[in-house]
Amino acid sequence: MRPTNANESADSTADEIIVNENTVSLDTPIKRGTQEIDSITLRKPNAGELRGIHLAELLNLDVTSLIKVIPRISSPGITAPEAAGMDPADLLAIGGKVVGFLLQKQAKTDASLVA
């Protein structure tokens, strides 16, 4: 066991506070029985998980396309009816993350320079 100093403990606390950038805090939690889901973590979908989805519609934040994709890439798993019942502001926030997954790294860099 090695001794720790104040700087190391402060660094470890800062590391614990870091939030996953793919996690969306919901304004309106999803109620599932007695459980409330107040945040959703998304992961980048693979090509198979986008089957049956028109990418152009997804890029345009089409609600029907988002409702199909969210259950495939969310943790905790959200059902399609739960996604359909989401607050529009929460759906838009999740949609923004989903669109970001579809862009190549260079396109994200270029977009940040333009904005």
PDB file of N, CA and C in Angstrom:
ATOM      1  N   MET A   1       0.852  -1.183   0.000  1.00  0.00           N
ATOM      2  CA  MET A   1       0.000   0.000   0.000  1.00  0.00           C
ATOM      3  C   MET A   1       0.887   1.231   0.000  1.00  0.00           C
ATOM      4  N   ARG A   2       0.641   2.135  -0.895  1.00  0.00           N
ATOM      5  CA  ARG A   2       1.469   3.320  -0.975  1.00  0.00           C
ATOM      6  C   ARG A   2       0.734   4.513  -0.398  1.00  0.00           C
ATOM      7  N   PRO A   3       1.443   5.441   0.194  1.00  0.00           N
ATOM      8  CA  PRO A   3       0.793   6.609   0.776  1.00  0.00           C
ATOM      9  C   PRO A   3       0.242   7.512  -0.326  1.00  0.00           C
ATOM     10  N   THR A   4      -0.822   8.221  -0.012  1.00  0.00           N
ATOM     11  CA  THR A   4      -1.389   9.176  -0.957  1.00  0.00           C
ATOM     12  C   THR A   4      -1.241  10.570  -0.388  1.00  0.00           C
ATOM     13  N   ASN A   5      -1.188  11.528  -1.270  1.00  0.00           N
ATOM     14  CA  ASN A   5      -1.141  12.899  -0.797  1.00  0.00           C
ATOM     15  C   ASN A   5      -2.427  13.607  -1.202  1.00  0.00           C
ATOM     16  N   ALA A   6      -2.592  14.811  -0.791  1.00  0.00           N
ATOM     17  CA  ALA A   6      -3.838  15.549  -1.018  1.00  0.00           C
ATOM     18  C   ALA A   6      -4.118  15.734  -2.504  1.00  0.00           C
ATOM     19  N   ASN A   7      -3.070  15.951  -3.312  1.00  0.00           N
ATOM     20  CA  ASN A   7      -3.272  16.150  -4.748  1.00  0.00           C
ATOM     21  C   ASN A   7      -3.827  14.900  -5.406  1.00  0.00           C
ATOM     22  N   GLU A   8      -3.321  13.728  -5.011  1.00  0.00           N
ATOM     23  CA  GLU A   8      -3.799  12.489  -5.608  1.00  0.00           C
ATOM     24  C   GLU A   8      -5.252  12.228  -5.255  1.00  0.00           C
ATOM     25  N   SER A   9      -5.661  12.499  -4.018  1.00  0.00           N
ATOM     26  CA  SER A   9      -7.052  12.261  -3.651  1.00  0.00           C
ATOM     27  C   SER A   9      -7.970  13.248  -4.365  1.00  0.00           C
ATOM     28  N   ALA A  10      -7.517  14.464  -4.592  1.00  0.00           N
ATOM     29  CA  ALA A  10      -8.318  15.442  -5.330  1.00  0.00           C
ATOM     30  C   ALA A  10      -8.470  14.996  -6.780  1.00  0.00           C
ATOM     31  N   ASP A  11      -7.387  14.458  -7.367  1.00  0.00           N
ATOM     32  CA  ASP A  11      -7.458  13.966  -8.740  1.00  0.00           C
ATOM     33  C   ASP A  11      -8.426  12.809  -8.862  1.00  0.00           C
ATOM     34  N   SER A  12      -8.409  11.886  -7.908  1.00  0.00           N
ATOM     35  CA  SER A  12      -9.314  10.736  -7.998  1.00  0.00           C
ATOM     36  C   SER A  12     -10.762  11.174  -7.827  1.00  0.00           C
ATOM     37  N   THR A  13     -11.007  12.197  -7.008  1.00  0.00           N
ATOM     38  CA  THR A  13     -12.361  12.708  -6.849  1.00  0.00           C
ATOM     39  C   THR A  13     -12.822  13.357  -8.145  1.00  0.00           C
ATOM     40  N   ALA A  14     -11.948  14.097  -8.804  1.00  0.00           N
ATOM     41  CA  ALA A  14     -12.293  14.734 -10.069  1.00  0.00           C
ATOM     42  C   ALA A  14     -12.602  13.676 -11.121  1.00  0.00           C
ATOM     43  N   ASP A  15     -11.860  12.570 -11.129  1.00  0.00           N
ATOM     44  CA  ASP A  15     -12.112  11.502 -12.081  1.00  0.00           C
ATOM     45  C   ASP A  15     -13.483  10.876 -11.858  1.00  0.00           C
ATOM     46  N   GLU A  16     -13.914  10.756 -10.617  1.00  0.00           N
ATOM     47  CA  GLU A  16     -15.203  10.154 -10.311  1.00  0.00           C
ATOM     48  C   GLU A  16     -16.360  11.045 -10.738  1.00  0.00           C
ATOM     49  N   ILE A  17     -16.133  12.357 -10.798  1.00  0.00           N
ATOM     50  CA  ILE A  17     -17.187  13.307 -11.128  1.00  0.00           C
ATOM     51  C   ILE A  17     -17.441  13.352 -12.631  1.00  0.00           C
ATOM     52  N   ILE A  18     -16.468  12.961 -13.446  1.00  0.00           N
ATOM     53  CA  ILE A  18     -16.613  13.019 -14.896  1.00  0.00           C
ATOM     54  C   ILE A  18     -17.816  12.191 -15.321  1.00  0.00           C
ATOM     55  N   VAL A  19     -18.690  12.802 -16.108  1.00  0.00           N
ATOM     56  CA  VAL A  19     -19.897  12.142 -16.576  1.00  0.00           C
ATOM     57  C   VAL A  19     -19.675  11.685 -18.014  1.00  0.00           C
ATOM     58  N   ASN A  20     -20.228  10.534 -18.352  1.00  0.00           N
ATOM     59  CA  ASN A  20     -20.133  10.026 -19.706  1.00  0.00           C
ATOM     60  C   ASN A  20     -20.770  11.037 -20.653  1.00  0.00           C
ATOM     61  N   GLU A  21     -20.048  11.422 -21.692  1.00  0.00           N
ATOM     62  CA  GLU A  21     -20.577  12.432 -22.616  1.00  0.00           C
ATOM     63  C   GLU A  21     -21.761  11.919 -23.430  1.00  0.00           C
ATOM     64  N   ASN A  22     -21.999  10.627 -23.407  1.00  0.00           N
ATOM     65  CA  ASN A  22     -23.131  10.045 -24.124  1.00  0.00           C
ATOM     66  C   ASN A  22     -24.331   9.809 -23.216  1.00  0.00           C
ATOM     67  N   THR A  23     -24.292  10.361 -22.025  1.00  0.00           N
ATOM     68  CA  THR A  23     -25.407  10.244 -21.093  1.00  0.00           C
ATOM     69  C   THR A  23     -26.253  11.508 -21.163  1.00  0.00           C
ATOM     70  N   VAL A  24     -27.556  11.306 -21.288  1.00  0.00           N
ATOM     71  CA  VAL A  24     -28.504  12.421 -21.353  1.00  0.00           C
ATOM     72  C   VAL A  24     -29.346  12.406 -20.088  1.00  0.00           C
ATOM     73  N   SER A  25     -29.319  13.505 -19.332  1.00  0.00           N
ATOM     74  CA  SER A  25     -30.193  13.644 -18.165  1.00  0.00           C
ATOM     75  C   SER A  25     -31.569  14.080 -18.660  1.00  0.00           C
ATOM     76  N   LEU A  26     -32.581  13.377 -18.223  1.00  0.00           N
ATOM     77  CA  LEU A  26     -33.932  13.652 -18.699  1.00  0.00           C
ATOM     78  C   LEU A  26     -34.609  14.726 -17.857  1.00  0.00           C
ATOM     79  N   ASP A  27     -35.252  15.678 -18.512  1.00  0.00           N
ATOM     80  CA  ASP A  27     -36.042  16.691 -17.803  1.00  0.00           C
ATOM     81  C   ASP A  27     -37.264  16.039 -17.165  1.00  0.00           C
ATOM     82  N   THR A  28     -37.847  15.101 -17.892  1.00  0.00           N
ATOM     83  CA  THR A  28     -39.022  14.378 -17.412  1.00  0.00           C
ATOM     84  C   THR A  28     -38.660  12.898 -17.327  1.00  0.00           C
ATOM     85  N   PRO A  29     -38.422  12.389 -16.115  1.00  0.00           N
ATOM     86  CA  PRO A  29     -38.038  10.982 -15.979  1.00  0.00           C
ATOM     87  C   PRO A  29     -39.092  10.031 -16.550  1.00  0.00           C
ATOM     88  N   ILE A  30     -38.626   8.896 -17.030  1.00  0.00           N
ATOM     89  CA  ILE A  30     -39.523   7.856 -17.539  1.00  0.00           C
ATOM     90  C   ILE A  30     -39.911   6.977 -16.361  1.00  0.00           C
ATOM     91  N   LYS A  31     -41.206   6.780 -16.180  1.00  0.00           N
ATOM     92  CA  LYS A  31     -41.686   5.943 -15.077  1.00  0.00           C
ATOM     93  C   LYS A  31     -41.910   4.526 -15.585  1.00  0.00           C
ATOM     94  N   ARG A  32     -41.313   3.571 -14.877  1.00  0.00           N
ATOM     95  CA  ARG A  32     -41.462   2.158 -15.202  1.00  0.00           C
ATOM     96  C   ARG A  32     -41.803   1.444 -13.905  1.00  0.00           C
ATOM     97  N   GLY A  33     -43.083   1.262 -13.676  1.00  0.00           N
ATOM     98  CA  GLY A  33     -43.511   0.678 -12.402  1.00  0.00           C
ATOM     99  C   GLY A  33     -43.158   1.621 -11.272  1.00  0.00           C
ATOM    100  N   THR A  34     -42.392   1.129 -10.302  1.00  0.00           N
ATOM    101  CA  THR A  34     -41.965   1.971  -9.184  1.00  0.00           C
ATOM    102  C   THR A  34     -40.628   2.649  -9.464  1.00  0.00           C
ATOM    103  N   GLN A  35     -40.010   2.295 -10.573  1.00  0.00           N
ATOM    104  CA  GLN A  35     -38.703   2.830 -10.934  1.00  0.00           C
ATOM    105  C   GLN A  35     -38.850   4.084 -11.792  1.00  0.00           C
ATOM    106  N   GLU A  36     -37.950   5.042 -11.580  1.00  0.00           N
ATOM    107  CA  GLU A  36     -37.885   6.233 -12.419  1.00  0.00           C
ATOM    108  C   GLU A  36     -36.532   6.264 -13.106  1.00  0.00           C
ATOM    109  N   ILE A  37     -36.542   6.421 -14.411  1.00  0.00           N
ATOM    110  CA  ILE A  37     -35.305   6.527 -15.184  1.00  0.00           C
ATOM    111  C   ILE A  37     -35.081   8.004 -15.450  1.00  0.00           C
ATOM    112  N   ASP A  38     -34.009   8.561 -14.854  1.00  0.00           N
ATOM    113  CA  ASP A  38     -33.767   9.994 -14.994  1.00  0.00           C
ATOM    114  C   ASP A  38     -32.595  10.325 -15.909  1.00  0.00           C
ATOM    115  N   SER A  39     -31.899   9.292 -16.402  1.00  0.00           N
ATOM    116  CA  SER A  39     -30.835   9.522 -17.377  1.00  0.00           C
ATOM    117  C   SER A  39     -30.691   8.282 -18.250  1.00  0.00           C
ATOM    118  N   ILE A  40     -30.264   8.511 -19.467  1.00  0.00           N
ATOM    119  CA  ILE A  40     -30.087   7.434 -20.438  1.00  0.00           C
ATOM    120  C   ILE A  40     -28.696   7.578 -21.036  1.00  0.00           C
ATOM    121  N   THR A  41     -27.980   6.465 -21.078  1.00  0.00           N
ATOM    122  CA  THR A  41     -26.673   6.437 -21.722  1.00  0.00           C
ATOM    123  C   THR A  41     -26.827   5.765 -23.072  1.00  0.00           C
ATOM    124  N   LEU A  42     -26.306   6.417 -24.090  1.00  0.00           N
ATOM    125  CA  LEU A  42     -26.402   5.899 -25.449  1.00  0.00           C
ATOM    126  C   LEU A  42     -25.048   5.394 -25.905  1.00  0.00           C
ATOM    127  N   ARG A  43     -25.060   4.428 -26.798  1.00  0.00           N
ATOM    128  CA  ARG A  43     -23.819   3.964 -27.404  1.00  0.00           C
ATOM    129  C   ARG A  43     -23.958   4.062 -28.914  1.00  0.00           C
ATOM    130  N   LYS A  44     -22.835   4.164 -29.576  1.00  0.00           N
ATOM    131  CA  LYS A  44     -22.833   4.297 -31.030  1.00  0.00           C
ATOM    132  C   LYS A  44     -23.409   3.032 -31.652  1.00  0.00           C
ATOM    133  N   PRO A  45     -24.420   3.162 -32.515  1.00  0.00           N
ATOM    134  CA  PRO A  45     -24.997   1.968 -33.136  1.00  0.00           C
ATOM    135  C   PRO A  45     -24.076   1.413 -34.217  1.00  0.00           C
ATOM    136  N   ASN A  46     -24.147   0.099 -34.407  1.00  0.00           N
ATOM    137  CA  ASN A  46     -23.442  -0.471 -35.548  1.00  0.00           C
ATOM    138  C   ASN A  46     -24.414  -0.518 -36.721  1.00  0.00           C
ATOM    139  N   ALA A  47     -23.923  -0.868 -37.891  1.00  0.00           N
ATOM    140  CA  ALA A  47     -24.755  -0.826 -39.098  1.00  0.00           C
ATOM    141  C   ALA A  47     -25.990  -1.705 -38.968  1.00  0.00           C
ATOM    142  N   GLY A  48     -25.868  -2.867 -38.349  1.00  0.00           N
ATOM    143  CA  GLY A  48     -27.001  -3.767 -38.206  1.00  0.00           C
ATOM    144  C   GLY A  48     -28.122  -3.183 -37.361  1.00  0.00           C
ATOM    145  N   GLU A  49     -27.765  -2.364 -36.390  1.00  0.00           N
ATOM    146  CA  GLU A  49     -28.779  -1.741 -35.529  1.00  0.00           C
ATOM    147  C   GLU A  49     -29.518  -0.607 -36.233  1.00  0.00           C
ATOM    148  N   LEU A  50     -29.022  -0.222 -37.388  1.00  0.00           N
ATOM    149  CA  LEU A  50     -29.681   0.822 -38.170  1.00  0.00           C
ATOM    150  C   LEU A  50     -30.535   0.220 -39.294  1.00  0.00           C
ATOM    151  N   ARG A  51     -30.637  -1.104 -39.314  1.00  0.00           N
ATOM    152  CA  ARG A  51     -31.437  -1.788 -40.329  1.00  0.00           C
ATOM    153  C   ARG A  51     -32.884  -1.288 -40.279  1.00  0.00           C
ATOM    154  N   GLY A  52     -33.433  -0.989 -41.440  1.00  0.00           N
ATOM    155  CA  GLY A  52     -34.804  -0.516 -41.523  1.00  0.00           C
ATOM    156  C   GLY A  52     -34.973   0.970 -41.252  1.00  0.00           C
ATOM    157  N   ILE A  53     -33.872   1.661 -41.048  1.00  0.00           N
ATOM    158  CA  ILE A  53     -33.903   3.099 -40.754  1.00  0.00           C
ATOM    159  C   ILE A  53     -33.304   3.843 -41.948  1.00  0.00           C
ATOM    160  N   HIS A  54     -33.968   4.873 -42.403  1.00  0.00           N
ATOM    161  CA  HIS A  54     -33.401   5.726 -43.445  1.00  0.00           C
ATOM    162  C   HIS A  54     -32.497   6.739 -42.756  1.00  0.00           C
ATOM    163  N   LEU A  55     -31.211   6.705 -43.088  1.00  0.00           N
ATOM    164  CA  LEU A  55     -30.255   7.576 -42.407  1.00  0.00           C
ATOM    165  C   LEU A  55     -30.588   9.058 -42.595  1.00  0.00           C
ATOM    166  N   ALA A  56     -31.086   9.424 -43.754  1.00  0.00           N
ATOM    167  CA  ALA A  56     -31.449  10.825 -43.986  1.00  0.00           C
ATOM    168  C   ALA A  56     -32.543  11.260 -43.009  1.00  0.00           C
ATOM    169  N   GLU A  57     -33.504  10.369 -42.753  1.00  0.00           N
ATOM    170  CA  GLU A  57     -34.568  10.699 -41.798  1.00  0.00           C
ATOM    171  C   GLU A  57     -34.013  10.819 -40.388  1.00  0.00           C
ATOM    172  N   LEU A  58     -33.076   9.936 -40.060  1.00  0.00           N
ATOM    173  CA  LEU A  58     -32.465   9.993 -38.731  1.00  0.00           C
ATOM    174  C   LEU A  58     -31.673  11.298 -38.571  1.00  0.00           C
ATOM    175  N   LEU A  59     -30.938  11.683 -39.609  1.00  0.00           N
ATOM    176  CA  LEU A  59     -30.188  12.943 -39.565  1.00  0.00           C
ATOM    177  C   LEU A  59     -31.113  14.151 -39.453  1.00  0.00           C
ATOM    178  N   ASN A  60     -32.336  14.018 -39.958  1.00  0.00           N
ATOM    179  CA  ASN A  60     -33.333  15.095 -39.846  1.00  0.00           C
ATOM    180  C   ASN A  60     -34.131  15.004 -38.555  1.00  0.00           C
ATOM    181  N   LEU A  61     -33.693  14.131 -37.636  1.00  0.00           N
ATOM    182  CA  LEU A  61     -34.336  13.938 -36.340  1.00  0.00           C
ATOM    183  C   LEU A  61     -35.796  13.516 -36.476  1.00  0.00           C
ATOM    184  N   ASP A  62     -36.064  12.659 -37.457  1.00  0.00           N
ATOM    185  CA  ASP A  62     -37.409  12.127 -37.644  1.00  0.00           C
ATOM    186  C   ASP A  62     -37.808  11.334 -36.400  1.00  0.00           C
ATOM    187  N   VAL A  63     -38.928  11.672 -35.823  1.00  0.00           N
ATOM    188  CA  VAL A  63     -39.370  11.069 -34.561  1.00  0.00           C
ATOM    189  C   VAL A  63     -39.554   9.563 -34.692  1.00  0.00           C
ATOM    190  N   THR A  64     -40.174   9.109 -35.765  1.00  0.00           N
ATOM    191  CA  THR A  64     -40.401   7.675 -35.954  1.00  0.00           C
ATOM    192  C   THR A  64     -39.078   6.917 -36.014  1.00  0.00           C
ATOM    193  N   SER A  65     -38.098   7.463 -36.699  1.00  0.00           N
ATOM    194  CA  SER A  65     -36.786   6.820 -36.790  1.00  0.00           C
ATOM    195  C   SER A  65     -36.092   6.796 -35.435  1.00  0.00           C
ATOM    196  N   LEU A  66     -36.169   7.907 -34.688  1.00  0.00           N
ATOM    197  CA  LEU A  66     -35.565   7.948 -33.357  1.00  0.00           C
ATOM    198  C   LEU A  66     -36.205   6.918 -32.427  1.00  0.00           C
ATOM    199  N   ILE A  67     -37.536   6.796 -32.496  1.00  0.00           N
ATOM    200  CA  ILE A  67     -38.231   5.847 -31.632  1.00  0.00           C
ATOM    201  C   ILE A  67     -37.819   4.414 -31.942  1.00  0.00           C
ATOM    202  N   LYS A  68     -37.443   4.142 -33.191  1.00  0.00           N
ATOM    203  CA  LYS A  68     -36.960   2.806 -33.560  1.00  0.00           C
ATOM    204  C   LYS A  68     -35.531   2.568 -33.072  1.00  0.00           C
ATOM    205  N   VAL A  69     -34.697   3.595 -33.123  1.00  0.00           N
ATOM    206  CA  VAL A  69     -33.275   3.430 -32.806  1.00  0.00           C
ATOM    207  C   VAL A  69     -32.993   3.475 -31.303  1.00  0.00           C
ATOM    208  N   ILE A  70     -33.654   4.335 -30.568  1.00  0.00           N
ATOM    209  CA  ILE A  70     -33.368   4.513 -29.141  1.00  0.00           C
ATOM    210  C   ILE A  70     -33.389   3.205 -28.356  1.00  0.00           C
ATOM    211  N   PRO A  71     -34.396   2.345 -28.529  1.00  0.00           N
ATOM    212  CA  PRO A  71     -34.384   1.087 -27.768  1.00  0.00           C
ATOM    213  C   PRO A  71     -33.186   0.186 -28.091  1.00  0.00           C
ATOM    214  N   ARG A  72     -32.619   0.335 -29.265  1.00  0.00           N
ATOM    215  CA  ARG A  72     -31.507  -0.512 -29.692  1.00  0.00           C
ATOM    216  C   ARG A  72     -30.170  -0.081 -29.097  1.00  0.00           C
ATOM    217  N   ILE A  73     -30.068   1.190 -28.672  1.00  0.00           N
ATOM    218  CA  ILE A  73     -28.759   1.708 -28.258  1.00  0.00           C
ATOM    219  C   ILE A  73     -28.763   2.349 -26.869  1.00  0.00           C
ATOM    220  N   SER A  74     -29.834   2.198 -26.115  1.00  0.00           N
ATOM    221  CA  SER A  74     -29.926   2.877 -24.820  1.00  0.00           C
ATOM    222  C   SER A  74     -29.654   1.942 -23.650  1.00  0.00           C
ATOM    223  N   SER A  75     -29.144   2.534 -22.604  1.00  0.00           N
ATOM    224  CA  SER A  75     -28.938   1.827 -21.342  1.00  0.00           C
ATOM    225  C   SER A  75     -29.344   2.785 -20.233  1.00  0.00           C
ATOM    226  N   PRO A  76     -30.267   2.461 -19.373  1.00  0.00           N
ATOM    227  CA  PRO A  76     -31.029   1.220 -19.366  1.00  0.00           C
ATOM    228  C   PRO A  76     -31.884   1.124 -20.624  1.00  0.00           C
ATOM    229  N   GLY A  77     -32.217  -0.082 -20.994  1.00  0.00           N
ATOM    230  CA  GLY A  77     -32.997  -0.310 -22.202  1.00  0.00           C
ATOM    231  C   GLY A  77     -34.347   0.377 -22.121  1.00  0.00           C
ATOM    232  N   ILE A  78     -34.641   1.182 -23.105  1.00  0.00           N
ATOM    233  CA  ILE A  78     -35.916   1.893 -23.188  1.00  0.00           C
ATOM    234  C   ILE A  78     -36.738   1.198 -24.266  1.00  0.00           C
ATOM    235  N   THR A  79     -37.987   0.947 -24.000  1.00  0.00           N
ATOM    236  CA  THR A  79     -38.854   0.319 -24.993  1.00  0.00           C
ATOM    237  C   THR A  79     -39.354   1.368 -25.984  1.00  0.00           C
ATOM    238  N   ALA A  80     -39.839   0.903 -27.136  1.00  0.00           N
ATOM    239  CA  ALA A  80     -40.374   1.830 -28.136  1.00  0.00           C
ATOM    240  C   ALA A  80     -41.554   2.642 -27.574  1.00  0.00           C
ATOM    241  N   PRO A  81     -42.497   2.016 -26.832  1.00  0.00           N
ATOM    242  CA  PRO A  81     -43.569   2.838 -26.255  1.00  0.00           C
ATOM    243  C   PRO A  81     -43.054   3.880 -25.251  1.00  0.00           C
ATOM    244  N   GLU A  82     -42.001   3.539 -24.497  1.00  0.00           N
ATOM    245  CA  GLU A  82     -41.424   4.522 -23.565  1.00  0.00           C
ATOM    246  C   GLU A  82     -40.770   5.662 -24.353  1.00  0.00           C
ATOM    247  N   ALA A  83     -40.078   5.320 -25.442  1.00  0.00           N
ATOM    248  CA  ALA A  83     -39.460   6.352 -26.272  1.00  0.00           C
ATOM    249  C   ALA A  83     -40.528   7.244 -26.896  1.00  0.00           C
ATOM    250  N   ALA A  84     -41.636   6.646 -27.314  1.00  0.00           N
ATOM    251  CA  ALA A  84     -42.719   7.417 -27.925  1.00  0.00           C
ATOM    252  C   ALA A  84     -43.387   8.362 -26.918  1.00  0.00           C
ATOM    253  N   GLY A  85     -43.327   8.017 -25.640  1.00  0.00           N
ATOM    254  CA  GLY A  85     -43.942   8.848 -24.610  1.00  0.00           C
ATOM    255  C   GLY A  85     -43.004   9.849 -23.972  1.00  0.00           C
ATOM    256  N   MET A  86     -41.787   9.984 -24.505  1.00  0.00           N
ATOM    257  CA  MET A  86     -40.807  10.896 -23.911  1.00  0.00           C
ATOM    258  C   MET A  86     -41.184  12.354 -24.117  1.00  0.00           C
ATOM    259  N   ASP A  87     -40.707  13.175 -23.210  1.00  0.00           N
ATOM    260  CA  ASP A  87     -40.808  14.625 -23.339  1.00  0.00           C
ATOM    261  C   ASP A  87     -40.086  15.025 -24.635  1.00  0.00           C
ATOM    262  N   PRO A  88     -40.679  15.890 -25.467  1.00  0.00           N
ATOM    263  CA  PRO A  88     -40.027  16.291 -26.714  1.00  0.00           C
ATOM    264  C   PRO A  88     -38.626  16.874 -26.519  1.00  0.00           C
ATOM    265  N   ALA A  89     -38.404  17.606 -25.438  1.00  0.00           N
ATOM    266  CA  ALA A  89     -37.077  18.176 -25.176  1.00  0.00           C
ATOM    267  C   ALA A  89     -36.057  17.063 -24.937  1.00  0.00           C
ATOM    268  N   ASP A  90     -36.470  16.015 -24.220  1.00  0.00           N
ATOM    269  CA  ASP A  90     -35.584  14.882 -23.969  1.00  0.00           C
ATOM    270  C   ASP A  90     -35.312  14.116 -25.260  1.00  0.00           C
ATOM    271  N   LEU A  91     -36.340  13.943 -26.081  1.00  0.00           N
ATOM    272  CA  LEU A  91     -36.181  13.252 -27.356  1.00  0.00           C
ATOM    273  C   LEU A  91     -35.210  14.011 -28.259  1.00  0.00           C
ATOM    274  N   LEU A  92     -35.303  15.331 -28.263  1.00  0.00           N
ATOM    275  CA  LEU A  92     -34.396  16.147 -29.065  1.00  0.00           C
ATOM    276  C   LEU A  92     -32.959  16.035 -28.566  1.00  0.00           C
ATOM    277  N   ALA A  93     -32.777  16.029 -27.254  1.00  0.00           N
ATOM    278  CA  ALA A  93     -31.431  15.895 -26.692  1.00  0.00           C
ATOM    279  C   ALA A  93     -30.819  14.546 -27.074  1.00  0.00           C
ATOM    280  N   ILE A  94     -31.618  13.495 -26.992  1.00  0.00           N
ATOM    281  CA  ILE A  94     -31.133  12.166 -27.379  1.00  0.00           C
ATOM    282  C   ILE A  94     -30.872  12.129 -28.880  1.00  0.00           C
ATOM    283  N   GLY A  95     -31.758  12.735 -29.656  1.00  0.00           N
ATOM    284  CA  GLY A  95     -31.576  12.779 -31.103  1.00  0.00           C
ATOM    285  C   GLY A  95     -30.283  13.466 -31.502  1.00  0.00           C
ATOM    286  N   GLY A  96     -29.925  14.504 -30.790  1.00  0.00           N
ATOM    287  CA  GLY A  96     -28.662  15.188 -31.062  1.00  0.00           C
ATOM    288  C   GLY A  96     -27.469  14.280 -30.865  1.00  0.00           C
ATOM    289  N   LYS A  97     -27.516  13.459 -29.820  1.00  0.00           N
ATOM    290  CA  LYS A  97     -26.436  12.492 -29.584  1.00  0.00           C
ATOM    291  C   LYS A  97     -26.399  11.455 -30.689  1.00  0.00           C
ATOM    292  N   VAL A  98     -27.570  10.975 -31.097  1.00  0.00           N
ATOM    293  CA  VAL A  98     -27.647   9.955 -32.149  1.00  0.00           C
ATOM    294  C   VAL A  98     -27.071  10.502 -33.451  1.00  0.00           C
ATOM    295  N   VAL A  99     -27.435  11.726 -33.813  1.00  0.00           N
ATOM    296  CA  VAL A  99     -26.899  12.339 -35.031  1.00  0.00           C
ATOM    297  C   VAL A  99     -25.376  12.454 -34.938  1.00  0.00           C
ATOM    298  N   GLY A 100     -24.877  12.803 -33.770  1.00  0.00           N
ATOM    299  CA  GLY A 100     -23.434  12.899 -33.576  1.00  0.00           C
ATOM    300  C   GLY A 100     -22.718  11.576 -33.816  1.00  0.00           C
ATOM    301  N   PHE A 101     -23.385  10.474 -33.486  1.00  0.00           N
ATOM    302  CA  PHE A 101     -22.791   9.154 -33.725  1.00  0.00           C
ATOM    303  C   PHE A 101     -22.626   8.873 -35.214  1.00  0.00           C
ATOM    304  N   LEU A 102     -23.454   9.476 -36.044  1.00  0.00           N
ATOM    305  CA  LEU A 102     -23.439   9.185 -37.477  1.00  0.00           C
ATOM    306  C   LEU A 102     -22.396   9.982 -38.239  1.00  0.00           C
ATOM    307  N   LEU A 103     -21.851  10.991 -37.622  1.00  0.00           N
ATOM    308  CA  LEU A 103     -20.854  11.833 -38.287  1.00  0.00           C
ATOM    309  C   LEU A 103     -19.446  11.277 -38.091  1.00  0.00           C
ATOM    310  N   GLN A 104     -18.631  11.393 -39.120  1.00  0.00           N
ATOM    311  CA  GLN A 104     -17.226  11.015 -38.988  1.00  0.00           C
ATOM    312  C   GLN A 104     -16.512  12.051 -38.127  1.00  0.00           C
ATOM    313  N   LYS A 105     -15.388  11.654 -37.552  1.00  0.00           N
ATOM    314  CA  LYS A 105     -14.637  12.554 -36.667  1.00  0.00           C
ATOM    315  C   LYS A 105     -14.283  13.862 -37.372  1.00  0.00           C
ATOM    316  N   GLN A 106     -13.863  13.778 -38.622  1.00  0.00           N
ATOM    317  CA  GLN A 106     -13.488  14.977 -39.371  1.00  0.00           C
ATOM    318  C   GLN A 106     -14.682  15.914 -39.534  1.00  0.00           C
ATOM    319  N   ALA A 107     -15.841  15.362 -39.808  1.00  0.00           N
ATOM    320  CA  ALA A 107     -17.040  16.183 -39.975  1.00  0.00           C
ATOM    321  C   ALA A 107     -17.394  16.892 -38.668  1.00  0.00           C
ATOM    322  N   LYS A 108     -17.202  16.202 -37.537  1.00  0.00           N
ATOM    323  CA  LYS A 108     -17.457  16.840 -36.249  1.00  0.00           C
ATOM    324  C   LYS A 108     -16.495  17.987 -36.015  1.00  0.00           C
ATOM    325  N   THR A 109     -15.229  17.790 -36.375  1.00  0.00           N
ATOM    326  CA  THR A 109     -14.222  18.835 -36.207  1.00  0.00           C
ATOM    327  C   THR A 109     -14.553  20.025 -37.097  1.00  0.00           C
ATOM    328  N   ASP A 110     -14.913  19.752 -38.356  1.00  0.00           N
ATOM    329  CA  ASP A 110     -15.249  20.824 -39.285  1.00  0.00           C
ATOM    330  C   ASP A 110     -16.476  21.602 -38.795  1.00  0.00           C
ATOM    331  N   ALA A 111     -17.465  20.905 -38.280  1.00  0.00           N
ATOM    332  CA  ALA A 111     -18.685  21.548 -37.794  1.00  0.00           C
ATOM    333  C   ALA A 111     -18.389  22.448 -36.604  1.00  0.00           C
ATOM    334  N   SER A 112     -17.473  22.030 -35.741  1.00  0.00           N
ATOM    335  CA  SER A 112     -17.160  22.853 -34.571  1.00  0.00           C
ATOM    336  C   SER A 112     -16.392  24.107 -34.976  1.00  0.00           C
ATOM    337  N   LEU A 113     -15.654  24.045 -36.068  1.00  0.00           N
ATOM    338  CA  LEU A 113     -14.937  25.238 -36.554  1.00  0.00           C
ATOM    339  C   LEU A 113     -15.901  26.226 -37.176  1.00  0.00           C
ATOM    340  N   VAL A 114     -16.961  25.741 -37.812  1.00  0.00           N
ATOM    341  CA  VAL A 114     -17.932  26.597 -38.469  1.00  0.00           C
ATOM    342  C   VAL A 114     -18.842  27.265 -37.447  1.00  0.00           C
ATOM    343  N   ALA A 115     -19.242  26.545 -36.435  1.00  0.00           N
ATOM    344  CA  ALA A 115     -20.227  27.043 -35.471  1.00  0.00           C
ATOM    345  C   ALA A 115     -19.719  28.135 -34.605  1.00  0.00           C
TER     346      ALA A 115
END
